[in-house]
N, C-alpha and C. Protein backbone atom coordinates (compact mmCIF):
# COMPACT_ATOMS: atom_id res chain seq x y z
N MET A 1 113.95 111.97 82.64
CA MET A 1 112.78 112.76 82.97
C MET A 1 113.22 114.18 83.28
N ARG A 2 112.59 115.11 82.66
CA ARG A 2 112.89 116.52 82.89
C ARG A 2 111.94 117.05 83.94
N MET A 3 112.49 117.90 84.79
CA MET A 3 111.67 118.52 85.83
C MET A 3 111.38 119.97 85.44
N THR A 4 110.17 120.36 85.65
CA THR A 4 109.81 121.76 85.42
C THR A 4 110.21 122.56 86.65
N GLN A 5 110.15 123.87 86.55
CA GLN A 5 110.48 124.72 87.70
C GLN A 5 109.51 124.45 88.85
N ALA A 6 108.26 124.19 88.53
CA ALA A 6 107.29 123.88 89.57
C ALA A 6 107.65 122.58 90.30
N ASP A 7 108.15 121.57 89.55
CA ASP A 7 108.59 120.32 90.16
C ASP A 7 109.78 120.56 91.09
N VAL A 8 110.74 121.38 90.64
CA VAL A 8 111.91 121.70 91.46
C VAL A 8 111.49 122.43 92.73
N ASP A 9 110.60 123.40 92.60
CA ASP A 9 110.12 124.15 93.77
C ASP A 9 109.41 123.23 94.76
N ALA A 10 108.59 122.33 94.25
CA ALA A 10 107.88 121.39 95.13
C ALA A 10 108.87 120.45 95.81
N TYR A 11 109.87 119.99 95.09
CA TYR A 11 110.89 119.11 95.66
C TYR A 11 111.65 119.83 96.78
N LEU A 12 112.08 121.05 96.51
CA LEU A 12 112.82 121.81 97.53
C LEU A 12 111.96 122.10 98.75
N ALA A 13 110.69 122.35 98.55
CA ALA A 13 109.79 122.59 99.68
C ALA A 13 109.66 121.34 100.54
N ARG A 14 109.57 120.17 99.90
CA ARG A 14 109.48 118.91 100.65
C ARG A 14 110.76 118.65 101.43
N GLN A 15 111.91 118.94 100.82
CA GLN A 15 113.20 118.68 101.47
C GLN A 15 113.43 119.60 102.65
N SER A 16 112.85 120.78 102.64
CA SER A 16 113.06 121.72 103.75
C SER A 16 112.17 121.40 104.94
N LYS A 17 111.21 120.54 104.76
CA LYS A 17 110.30 120.13 105.84
C LYS A 17 110.84 118.90 106.56
N PRO A 18 110.49 118.71 107.85
CA PRO A 18 110.90 117.48 108.55
C PRO A 18 110.39 116.26 107.81
N ASN A 19 111.18 115.22 107.78
CA ASN A 19 110.85 113.95 107.12
C ASN A 19 110.72 114.09 105.61
N GLY A 20 111.03 115.27 105.06
CA GLY A 20 110.94 115.46 103.63
C GLY A 20 109.51 115.55 103.12
N ARG A 21 108.54 115.62 104.03
CA ARG A 21 107.13 115.71 103.62
C ARG A 21 106.47 116.85 104.37
N ALA A 22 105.76 117.66 103.65
CA ALA A 22 105.13 118.82 104.25
C ALA A 22 103.96 118.44 105.15
N ASP A 23 103.33 117.28 104.91
CA ASP A 23 102.13 116.91 105.65
C ASP A 23 102.40 116.11 106.92
N LEU A 24 103.68 115.83 107.21
CA LEU A 24 104.00 115.04 108.41
C LEU A 24 104.65 115.91 109.48
N PRO A 25 104.31 115.69 110.75
CA PRO A 25 105.00 116.43 111.81
C PRO A 25 106.42 115.90 111.97
N PRO A 26 107.30 116.64 112.66
CA PRO A 26 108.66 116.12 112.87
C PRO A 26 108.59 114.78 113.59
N ARG A 27 109.48 113.87 113.21
CA ARG A 27 109.44 112.54 113.82
C ARG A 27 110.00 112.59 115.23
N GLU A 28 109.48 111.71 116.08
CA GLU A 28 110.00 111.60 117.43
C GLU A 28 111.29 110.81 117.40
N LEU A 29 112.14 111.08 118.37
CA LEU A 29 113.38 110.33 118.47
C LEU A 29 113.09 108.89 118.82
N ARG A 30 113.89 107.99 118.30
CA ARG A 30 113.79 106.59 118.68
C ARG A 30 114.45 106.40 120.04
N GLU A 31 114.07 105.34 120.71
CA GLU A 31 114.62 105.06 122.04
C GLU A 31 116.15 104.99 121.98
N ARG A 32 116.66 104.37 120.95
CA ARG A 32 118.12 104.23 120.82
C ARG A 32 118.80 105.59 120.70
N GLU A 33 118.18 106.52 119.96
CA GLU A 33 118.75 107.86 119.82
C GLU A 33 118.76 108.61 121.16
N ILE A 34 117.71 108.43 121.94
CA ILE A 34 117.66 109.04 123.27
C ILE A 34 118.77 108.44 124.14
N GLN A 35 118.94 107.11 124.07
CA GLN A 35 120.00 106.45 124.84
C GLN A 35 121.38 106.98 124.47
N GLU A 36 121.63 107.15 123.19
CA GLU A 36 122.93 107.63 122.74
C GLU A 36 123.21 109.04 123.26
N ALA A 37 122.20 109.89 123.26
CA ALA A 37 122.37 111.25 123.76
C ALA A 37 122.62 111.25 125.27
N ILE A 38 121.91 110.39 125.99
CA ILE A 38 122.11 110.28 127.44
C ILE A 38 123.51 109.76 127.73
N ALA A 39 123.97 108.77 126.96
CA ALA A 39 125.31 108.23 127.15
C ALA A 39 126.36 109.32 126.94
N SER A 40 126.17 110.18 125.95
CA SER A 40 127.10 111.29 125.72
C SER A 40 127.11 112.23 126.91
N TYR A 41 125.94 112.51 127.46
CA TYR A 41 125.86 113.37 128.64
C TYR A 41 126.62 112.75 129.81
N LEU A 42 126.39 111.47 130.06
CA LEU A 42 127.08 110.80 131.17
C LEU A 42 128.59 110.76 130.96
N LYS A 43 129.02 110.59 129.72
CA LYS A 43 130.46 110.58 129.42
C LYS A 43 131.11 111.93 129.72
N SER A 44 130.31 113.00 129.70
CA SER A 44 130.87 114.33 129.97
C SER A 44 131.37 114.46 131.41
N PHE A 45 130.99 113.54 132.29
CA PHE A 45 131.46 113.55 133.67
C PHE A 45 132.84 112.90 133.81
N GLY A 46 133.34 112.34 132.73
CA GLY A 46 134.66 111.73 132.73
C GLY A 46 134.73 110.54 133.67
N HIS A 47 135.84 110.47 134.44
CA HIS A 47 136.06 109.33 135.33
C HIS A 47 135.15 109.32 136.56
N ALA A 48 134.38 110.39 136.76
CA ALA A 48 133.48 110.44 137.90
C ALA A 48 132.24 109.58 137.68
N CYS A 49 132.02 109.15 136.44
CA CYS A 49 130.82 108.38 136.11
C CYS A 49 131.21 107.10 135.38
N LYS A 50 130.75 105.98 135.91
CA LYS A 50 130.91 104.68 135.26
C LYS A 50 129.51 104.12 135.04
N PHE A 51 129.24 103.64 133.83
CA PHE A 51 127.91 103.12 133.56
C PHE A 51 127.96 102.07 132.46
N THR A 52 126.91 101.28 132.42
CA THR A 52 126.71 100.33 131.33
C THR A 52 125.38 100.66 130.68
N VAL A 53 125.30 100.34 129.40
CA VAL A 53 124.08 100.59 128.63
C VAL A 53 123.61 99.25 128.09
N ALA A 54 122.33 98.96 128.26
CA ALA A 54 121.76 97.72 127.72
C ALA A 54 121.77 97.79 126.20
N ARG A 55 122.20 96.71 125.57
CA ARG A 55 122.22 96.64 124.11
C ARG A 55 120.85 96.20 123.61
N MET A 56 120.41 96.85 122.55
CA MET A 56 119.13 96.48 121.96
C MET A 56 119.33 95.79 120.62
N ASP A 57 120.56 95.83 120.11
CA ASP A 57 120.78 95.33 118.76
C ASP A 57 121.25 93.88 118.72
N LYS A 58 121.56 93.30 119.89
CA LYS A 58 122.02 91.91 119.93
C LYS A 58 121.36 91.18 121.10
N PRO A 59 121.21 89.87 120.98
CA PRO A 59 120.69 89.10 122.10
C PRO A 59 121.67 89.17 123.28
N THR A 60 121.14 89.25 124.48
CA THR A 60 122.00 89.32 125.66
C THR A 60 121.59 88.25 126.67
N THR A 61 122.39 88.12 127.69
CA THR A 61 122.09 87.17 128.76
C THR A 61 121.65 87.89 130.01
N THR A 62 121.30 89.17 129.90
CA THR A 62 120.87 89.92 131.07
C THR A 62 119.45 89.51 131.47
N THR A 63 119.10 89.86 132.67
CA THR A 63 117.76 89.58 133.20
C THR A 63 116.73 90.36 132.38
N PRO A 64 115.59 89.74 132.05
CA PRO A 64 114.54 90.50 131.37
C PRO A 64 114.11 91.69 132.23
N GLY A 65 114.01 92.84 131.61
CA GLY A 65 113.62 94.05 132.34
C GLY A 65 114.79 94.85 132.88
N GLN A 66 116.02 94.38 132.61
CA GLN A 66 117.21 95.09 133.10
C GLN A 66 117.16 96.56 132.65
N PRO A 67 117.40 97.54 133.55
CA PRO A 67 117.36 98.95 133.16
C PRO A 67 118.36 99.25 132.03
N ASP A 68 118.03 100.23 131.23
CA ASP A 68 118.90 100.60 130.10
C ASP A 68 120.24 101.13 130.58
N PHE A 69 120.26 101.91 131.64
CA PHE A 69 121.49 102.45 132.20
C PHE A 69 121.62 102.02 133.65
N ILE A 70 122.76 101.48 133.99
CA ILE A 70 123.11 101.17 135.38
C ILE A 70 124.48 101.77 135.58
N GLY A 71 124.64 102.57 136.64
CA GLY A 71 125.93 103.20 136.82
C GLY A 71 126.13 103.80 138.19
N VAL A 72 127.28 104.44 138.31
CA VAL A 72 127.65 105.14 139.54
C VAL A 72 128.21 106.49 139.13
N LEU A 73 127.69 107.54 139.73
CA LEU A 73 128.16 108.90 139.45
C LEU A 73 128.55 109.54 140.77
N ARG A 74 129.83 109.80 140.92
CA ARG A 74 130.37 110.41 142.14
C ARG A 74 129.93 109.66 143.39
N GLY A 75 129.99 108.35 143.30
CA GLY A 75 129.70 107.49 144.44
C GLY A 75 128.23 107.15 144.66
N VAL A 76 127.34 107.64 143.82
CA VAL A 76 125.91 107.36 143.96
C VAL A 76 125.48 106.46 142.82
N SER A 77 124.90 105.30 143.15
CA SER A 77 124.46 104.38 142.10
C SER A 77 123.10 104.82 141.56
N PHE A 78 122.90 104.55 140.28
CA PHE A 78 121.64 104.91 139.64
C PHE A 78 121.26 103.87 138.60
N ALA A 79 119.98 103.85 138.27
CA ALA A 79 119.45 103.00 137.20
C ALA A 79 118.38 103.81 136.47
N MET A 80 118.46 103.82 135.15
CA MET A 80 117.49 104.55 134.33
C MET A 80 116.93 103.65 133.25
N GLU A 81 115.65 103.70 133.09
CA GLU A 81 114.97 103.03 131.99
C GLU A 81 114.54 104.11 131.01
N VAL A 82 114.92 103.96 129.75
CA VAL A 82 114.59 104.94 128.71
C VAL A 82 113.40 104.45 127.92
N LYS A 83 112.42 105.32 127.77
CA LYS A 83 111.22 105.01 126.99
C LYS A 83 110.93 106.16 126.04
N ARG A 84 110.33 105.84 124.91
CA ARG A 84 109.88 106.90 124.00
C ARG A 84 108.75 107.67 124.67
N PRO A 85 108.57 108.94 124.31
CA PRO A 85 107.49 109.73 124.89
C PRO A 85 106.14 109.01 124.75
N GLY A 86 105.41 108.97 125.84
CA GLY A 86 104.09 108.33 125.84
C GLY A 86 104.11 106.84 126.15
N CYS A 87 105.28 106.23 126.24
CA CYS A 87 105.39 104.80 126.52
C CYS A 87 105.68 104.57 128.00
N LYS A 88 105.28 103.41 128.50
CA LYS A 88 105.51 103.05 129.90
C LYS A 88 106.44 101.85 129.97
N GLU A 89 107.05 101.69 131.14
CA GLU A 89 107.91 100.53 131.35
C GLU A 89 107.06 99.27 131.48
N THR A 90 107.67 98.14 131.15
CA THR A 90 106.98 96.86 131.27
C THR A 90 106.94 96.44 132.74
N ARG A 91 106.18 95.42 133.01
CA ARG A 91 106.09 94.90 134.37
C ARG A 91 107.47 94.43 134.87
N GLU A 92 108.20 93.76 133.99
CA GLU A 92 109.55 93.29 134.36
C GLU A 92 110.49 94.45 134.63
N GLN A 93 110.39 95.48 133.81
CA GLN A 93 111.24 96.66 134.00
C GLN A 93 110.92 97.37 135.30
N ALA A 94 109.64 97.49 135.62
CA ALA A 94 109.24 98.12 136.88
C ALA A 94 109.76 97.31 138.07
N GLY A 95 109.70 95.99 137.96
CA GLY A 95 110.22 95.14 139.03
C GLY A 95 111.72 95.28 139.21
N GLU A 96 112.46 95.35 138.11
CA GLU A 96 113.91 95.53 138.18
C GLU A 96 114.26 96.89 138.78
N LEU A 97 113.55 97.93 138.38
CA LEU A 97 113.81 99.26 138.95
C LEU A 97 113.53 99.27 140.45
N LEU A 98 112.47 98.59 140.86
CA LEU A 98 112.17 98.51 142.29
C LEU A 98 113.28 97.78 143.04
N MET A 99 113.81 96.72 142.46
CA MET A 99 114.91 95.98 143.08
C MET A 99 116.13 96.89 143.26
N TRP A 100 116.46 97.67 142.23
CA TRP A 100 117.58 98.59 142.32
C TRP A 100 117.33 99.67 143.37
N GLN A 101 116.09 100.15 143.44
CA GLN A 101 115.75 101.18 144.42
C GLN A 101 115.86 100.63 145.84
N LEU A 102 115.37 99.41 146.05
CA LEU A 102 115.47 98.80 147.38
C LEU A 102 116.93 98.54 147.78
N ALA A 103 117.80 98.41 146.79
CA ALA A 103 119.22 98.20 147.06
C ALA A 103 119.95 99.53 147.31
N GLY A 104 119.22 100.66 147.21
CA GLY A 104 119.82 101.95 147.53
C GLY A 104 120.16 102.82 146.34
N SER A 105 119.83 102.37 145.14
CA SER A 105 120.11 103.17 143.95
C SER A 105 119.03 104.20 143.72
N LYS A 106 119.39 105.27 143.05
CA LYS A 106 118.41 106.24 142.56
C LYS A 106 117.90 105.69 141.23
N VAL A 107 116.59 105.68 141.04
CA VAL A 107 116.03 105.10 139.82
C VAL A 107 115.03 106.07 139.17
N SER A 108 114.89 105.93 137.85
CA SER A 108 113.94 106.76 137.13
C SER A 108 113.62 106.14 135.78
N VAL A 109 112.42 106.45 135.30
CA VAL A 109 112.04 106.16 133.92
C VAL A 109 112.05 107.51 133.21
N VAL A 110 112.84 107.64 132.16
CA VAL A 110 112.97 108.91 131.45
C VAL A 110 112.49 108.76 130.02
N HIS A 111 111.92 109.85 129.50
CA HIS A 111 111.38 109.85 128.14
C HIS A 111 112.12 110.79 127.21
N SER A 112 113.14 111.47 127.72
CA SER A 112 113.91 112.40 126.91
C SER A 112 115.25 112.65 127.58
N VAL A 113 116.13 113.29 126.85
CA VAL A 113 117.43 113.65 127.41
C VAL A 113 117.23 114.66 128.53
N ALA A 114 116.29 115.59 128.34
CA ALA A 114 116.03 116.60 129.36
C ALA A 114 115.60 115.95 130.68
N GLU A 115 114.74 114.94 130.61
CA GLU A 115 114.32 114.24 131.83
C GLU A 115 115.50 113.52 132.47
N ALA A 116 116.38 112.95 131.67
CA ALA A 116 117.55 112.27 132.21
C ALA A 116 118.47 113.25 132.91
N VAL A 117 118.71 114.39 132.29
CA VAL A 117 119.56 115.41 132.91
C VAL A 117 118.94 115.89 134.22
N GLU A 118 117.64 116.13 134.21
CA GLU A 118 116.95 116.57 135.43
C GLU A 118 117.09 115.51 136.53
N PHE A 119 116.92 114.25 136.18
CA PHE A 119 117.08 113.16 137.16
C PHE A 119 118.50 113.15 137.72
N ILE A 120 119.49 113.23 136.87
CA ILE A 120 120.88 113.20 137.32
C ILE A 120 121.17 114.38 138.24
N VAL A 121 120.75 115.57 137.83
CA VAL A 121 121.05 116.77 138.61
C VAL A 121 120.30 116.80 139.94
N THR A 122 119.01 116.46 139.92
CA THR A 122 118.20 116.62 141.13
C THR A 122 118.25 115.42 142.06
N GLN A 123 118.49 114.23 141.53
CA GLN A 123 118.47 113.04 142.38
C GLN A 123 119.85 112.46 142.66
N VAL A 124 120.68 112.35 141.65
CA VAL A 124 121.97 111.68 141.81
C VAL A 124 123.03 112.63 142.34
N LEU A 125 123.14 113.81 141.76
CA LEU A 125 124.19 114.74 142.19
C LEU A 125 123.86 115.47 143.49
N LYS A 126 122.62 115.43 143.91
CA LYS A 126 122.23 116.11 145.15
C LYS A 126 122.67 115.37 146.41
N GLN A 127 123.21 114.20 146.28
CA GLN A 127 123.62 113.40 147.43
C GLN A 127 124.72 114.07 148.19
């Protein structure tokens, strides 16, 4: 199949737009992508931060509602639940976060990397 110059121009215009389509807005990050970015941020603290991340790609034996991130940063324990923008935590997740909070951890539900950084800086590092 031969493409005309108009076909090439239309193709290039689609490729320069988010999602390759001019009529779609940029896609939102998936929860896993947000988690990966937050994990990179936490790793930047080196040995001062130890954390675990809940796996979403394999079955686990953790408690239902277990927070996505559980860790300690400079002696302060924290738990974070990551949600896509506009989404809320489940009842089980809210219960688990409350349990961690009652145990003395700093807890938060975050919808972006920016919210996670704000939580870490204002709540965890302020101790």
